[in-house]
C-alpha atoms as a PDB file:
ATOM      1  CA  MET A   1     -34.926 -36.477  20.156  1.00  0.00           C
ATOM      2  CA  ALA A   2     -31.208 -36.246  19.219  1.00  0.00           C
ATOM      3  CA  LYS A   3     -29.384 -33.280  20.606  1.00  0.00           C
ATOM      4  CA  LEU A   4     -28.215 -30.796  17.957  1.00  0.00           C
ATOM      5  CA  THR A   5     -24.770 -29.692  18.590  1.00  0.00           C
ATOM      6  CA  LYS A   6     -23.418 -26.270  17.278  1.00  0.00           C
ATOM      7  CA  LYS A   7     -21.346 -28.271  14.601  1.00  0.00           C
ATOM      8  CA  LYS A   8     -24.451 -30.226  13.377  1.00  0.00           C
ATOM      9  CA  LEU A   9     -26.581 -27.106  13.350  1.00  0.00           C
ATOM     10  CA  HIS A  10     -23.945 -25.123  11.306  1.00  0.00           C
ATOM     11  CA  GLY A  11     -23.825 -27.956   8.818  1.00  0.00           C
ATOM     12  CA  LEU A  12     -27.499 -28.122   8.356  1.00  0.00           C
ATOM     13  CA  ALA A  13     -27.853 -24.274   8.060  1.00  0.00           C
ATOM     14  CA  GLN A  14     -24.791 -23.615   6.014  1.00  0.00           C
ATOM     15  CA  GLY A  15     -26.524 -24.487   2.606  1.00  0.00           C
ATOM     16  CA  LEU A  16     -29.597 -22.507   3.503  1.00  0.00           C
ATOM     17  CA  PHE A  17     -28.057 -19.002   4.026  1.00  0.00           C
ATOM     18  CA  ASN A  18     -24.919 -18.884   1.773  1.00  0.00           C
ATOM     19  CA  SER A  19     -26.159 -18.622  -1.702  1.00  0.00           C
ATOM     20  CA  VAL A  20     -23.062 -17.008  -2.858  1.00  0.00           C
ATOM     21  CA  SER A  21     -20.118 -19.279  -3.618  1.00  0.00           C
ATOM     22  CA  GLU A  22     -16.471 -18.679  -4.169  1.00  0.00           C
ATOM     23  CA  LYS A  23     -16.997 -18.831  -7.954  1.00  0.00           C
ATOM     24  CA  ASP A  24     -19.442 -15.838  -7.702  1.00  0.00           C
ATOM     25  CA  ILE A  25     -16.752 -13.475  -6.245  1.00  0.00           C
ATOM     26  CA  LEU A  26     -14.582 -11.295  -8.303  1.00  0.00           C
ATOM     27  CA  VAL A  27     -10.947 -12.442  -7.898  1.00  0.00           C
ATOM     28  CA  PHE A  28      -7.671 -11.116  -9.200  1.00  0.00           C
ATOM     29  CA  GLU A  29      -5.505 -13.996 -10.304  1.00  0.00           C
ATOM     30  CA  ASN A  30      -2.447 -14.146 -12.492  1.00  0.00           C
ATOM     31  CA  SER A  31      -2.776 -10.519 -13.585  1.00  0.00           C
ATOM     32  CA  LYS A  32      -6.395 -11.136 -14.626  1.00  0.00           C
ATOM     33  CA  LEU A  33      -9.817 -10.439 -13.104  1.00  0.00           C
ATOM     34  CA  ILE A  34     -12.078 -13.511 -13.025  1.00  0.00           C
ATOM     35  CA  HIS A  35     -15.703 -13.774 -12.188  1.00  0.00           C
ATOM     36  CA  ASN A  36     -17.728 -16.932 -12.272  1.00  0.00           C
ATOM     37  CA  GLY A  37     -14.791 -18.726 -13.671  1.00  0.00           C
ATOM     38  CA  ASN A  38     -14.409 -16.508 -16.742  1.00  0.00           C
ATOM     39  CA  VAL A  39     -11.650 -13.984 -17.370  1.00  0.00           C
ATOM     40  CA  LEU A  40     -13.145 -10.540 -17.899  1.00  0.00           C
ATOM     41  CA  THR A  41     -12.239  -8.639 -21.056  1.00  0.00           C
ATOM     42  CA  VAL A  42     -10.243  -5.513 -21.044  1.00  0.00           C
ATOM     43  CA  ALA A  43     -13.404  -3.577 -21.653  1.00  0.00           C
ATOM     44  CA  GLN A  44     -15.189  -5.240 -18.639  1.00  0.00           C
ATOM     45  CA  VAL A  45     -12.137  -4.502 -16.477  1.00  0.00           C
ATOM     46  CA  ARG A  46     -12.150  -0.856 -17.594  1.00  0.00           C
ATOM     47  CA  SER A  47     -15.778  -0.602 -16.732  1.00  0.00           C
ATOM     48  CA  ILE A  48     -15.237  -1.958 -13.339  1.00  0.00           C
ATOM     49  CA  ILE A  49     -12.335   0.337 -12.535  1.00  0.00           C
ATOM     50  CA  GLU A  50     -14.442   3.331 -13.681  1.00  0.00           C
ATOM     51  CA  GLN A  51     -17.412   2.230 -11.648  1.00  0.00           C
ATOM     52  CA  ALA A  52     -15.198   1.777  -8.536  1.00  0.00           C
ATOM     53  CA  LYS A  53     -13.757   5.224  -9.026  1.00  0.00           C
ATOM     54  CA  THR A  54     -17.417   6.617  -9.399  1.00  0.00           C
ATOM     55  CA  ILE A  55     -18.439   4.947  -6.221  1.00  0.00           C
ATOM     56  CA  GLN A  56     -15.520   6.483  -4.224  1.00  0.00           C
ATOM     57  CA  SER A  57     -16.338   9.868  -5.638  1.00  0.00           C
ATOM     58  CA  LEU A  58     -20.056   9.766  -4.574  1.00  0.00           C
ATOM     59  CA  ASP A  59     -21.015  12.038  -1.794  1.00  0.00           C
ATOM     60  CA  LEU A  60     -23.812   9.404  -1.009  1.00  0.00           C
ATOM     61  CA  TRP A  61     -21.372   6.572  -0.669  1.00  0.00           C
ATOM     62  CA  ARG A  62     -19.344   8.602   1.756  1.00  0.00           C
ATOM     63  CA  LEU A  63     -22.499   9.526   3.761  1.00  0.00           C
ATOM     64  CA  LEU A  64     -23.638   5.911   3.887  1.00  0.00           C
ATOM     65  CA  VAL A  65     -20.243   4.593   4.958  1.00  0.00           C
ATOM     66  CA  ASP A  66     -20.083   7.253   7.750  1.00  0.00           C
ATOM     67  CA  GLU A  67     -23.476   6.495   8.853  1.00  0.00           C
ATOM     68  CA  MET A  68     -22.866   2.775   9.068  1.00  0.00           C
ATOM     69  CA  LYS A  69     -19.668   3.577  11.120  1.00  0.00           C
ATOM     70  CA  TYR A  70     -21.539   5.821  13.398  1.00  0.00           C
ATOM     71  CA  ILE A  71     -24.443   3.360  13.903  1.00  0.00           C
ATOM     72  CA  ALA A  72     -21.906   0.541  14.627  1.00  0.00           C
ATOM     73  CA  ASN A  73     -19.962   2.520  17.097  1.00  0.00           C
ATOM     74  CA  LYS A  74     -23.231   3.800  18.766  1.00  0.00           C
ATOM     75  CA  LYS A  75     -24.388   0.156  19.051  1.00  0.00           C
ATOM     76  CA  MET A  76     -21.065  -1.030  20.617  1.00  0.00           C
ATOM     77  CA  TYR A  77     -20.246   1.896  22.924  1.00  0.00           C
ATOM     78  CA  PHE A  78     -23.680   3.276  23.858  1.00  0.00           C
ATOM     79  CA  ASP A  79     -26.476   0.935  23.229  1.00  0.00           C
ATOM     80  CA  SER A  80     -24.876  -2.473  23.884  1.00  0.00           C
ATOM     81  CA  LYS A  81     -26.668  -4.693  26.460  1.00  0.00           C
ATOM     82  CA  SER A  82     -24.602  -7.893  25.680  1.00  0.00           C
ATOM     83  CA  GLU A  83     -21.519  -9.211  24.084  1.00  0.00           C
ATOM     84  CA  GLU A  84     -23.582 -10.051  20.974  1.00  0.00           C
ATOM     85  CA  ASP A  85     -24.373  -6.241  20.636  1.00  0.00           C
ATOM     86  CA  ILE A  86     -20.693  -5.435  20.658  1.00  0.00           C
ATOM     87  CA  LEU A  87     -19.936  -8.262  18.113  1.00  0.00           C
ATOM     88  CA  ALA A  88     -22.707  -6.989  15.818  1.00  0.00           C
ATOM     89  CA  GLY A  89     -21.159  -3.523  15.709  1.00  0.00           C
ATOM     90  CA  LYS A  90     -17.815  -4.964  15.024  1.00  0.00           C
ATOM     91  CA  MET A  91     -19.285  -7.154  12.203  1.00  0.00           C
ATOM     92  CA  VAL A  92     -20.823  -3.984  10.588  1.00  0.00           C
ATOM     93  CA  LEU A  93     -17.376  -2.079  10.812  1.00  0.00           C
ATOM     94  CA  TRP A  94     -15.736  -5.233   9.249  1.00  0.00           C
ATOM     95  CA  THR A  95     -18.139  -5.274   6.488  1.00  0.00           C
ATOM     96  CA  VAL A  96     -17.733  -1.663   5.769  1.00  0.00           C
ATOM     97  CA  ASP A  97     -13.972  -2.203   5.827  1.00  0.00           C
ATOM     98  CA  VAL A  98     -14.275  -5.009   3.226  1.00  0.00           C
ATOM     99  CA  LEU A  99     -16.229  -2.782   0.851  1.00  0.00           C
ATOM    100  CA  GLU A 100     -14.036   0.109   1.181  1.00  0.00           C
ATOM    101  CA  LYS A 101     -10.935  -2.026   0.537  1.00  0.00           C
ATOM    102  CA  LYS A 102     -12.365  -3.938  -2.485  1.00  0.00           C
ATOM    103  CA  ILE A 103     -13.606  -0.630  -4.147  1.00  0.00           C
ATOM    104  CA  SER A 104     -10.285   1.089  -3.419  1.00  0.00           C
ATOM    105  CA  ASN A 105      -8.218  -1.775  -4.726  1.00  0.00           C
ATOM    106  CA  LEU A 106     -10.493  -2.171  -7.917  1.00  0.00           C
ATOM    107  CA  SER A 107     -10.158   1.707  -8.593  1.00  0.00           C
ATOM    108  CA  LYS A 108      -6.364   1.349  -8.652  1.00  0.00           C
ATOM    109  CA  LEU A 109      -6.216  -1.564 -11.191  1.00  0.00           C
ATOM    110  CA  ARG A 110      -4.505  -0.681 -14.364  1.00  0.00           C
ATOM    111  CA  THR A 111      -5.242  -2.295 -17.847  1.00  0.00           C
ATOM    112  CA  LYS A 112      -2.931  -2.845 -20.603  1.00  0.00           C
END
């Protein structure tokens, strides 16, 4: 049986778990918001800005973010038994940071 290297295994698994592609994400390009290759309308952009502001203002959002940070730090500093546990906690913190920055950036957009 052929030996599976990490590179081969990564190549085989890559298509199985990543169902979101670059075209699926919301990008800001040339002063326009684009999703799925389509430029969003002013109304759509305004809706996204308002939704981002709403998310930021929700007590539940703040509670969930704080809880995720607490659990990640607890995992890293008190419950870790391996380097993987520390890495898992750091990945959670990174994910929270990505969400907070995206929502913050979207809430600060201006429409014409």
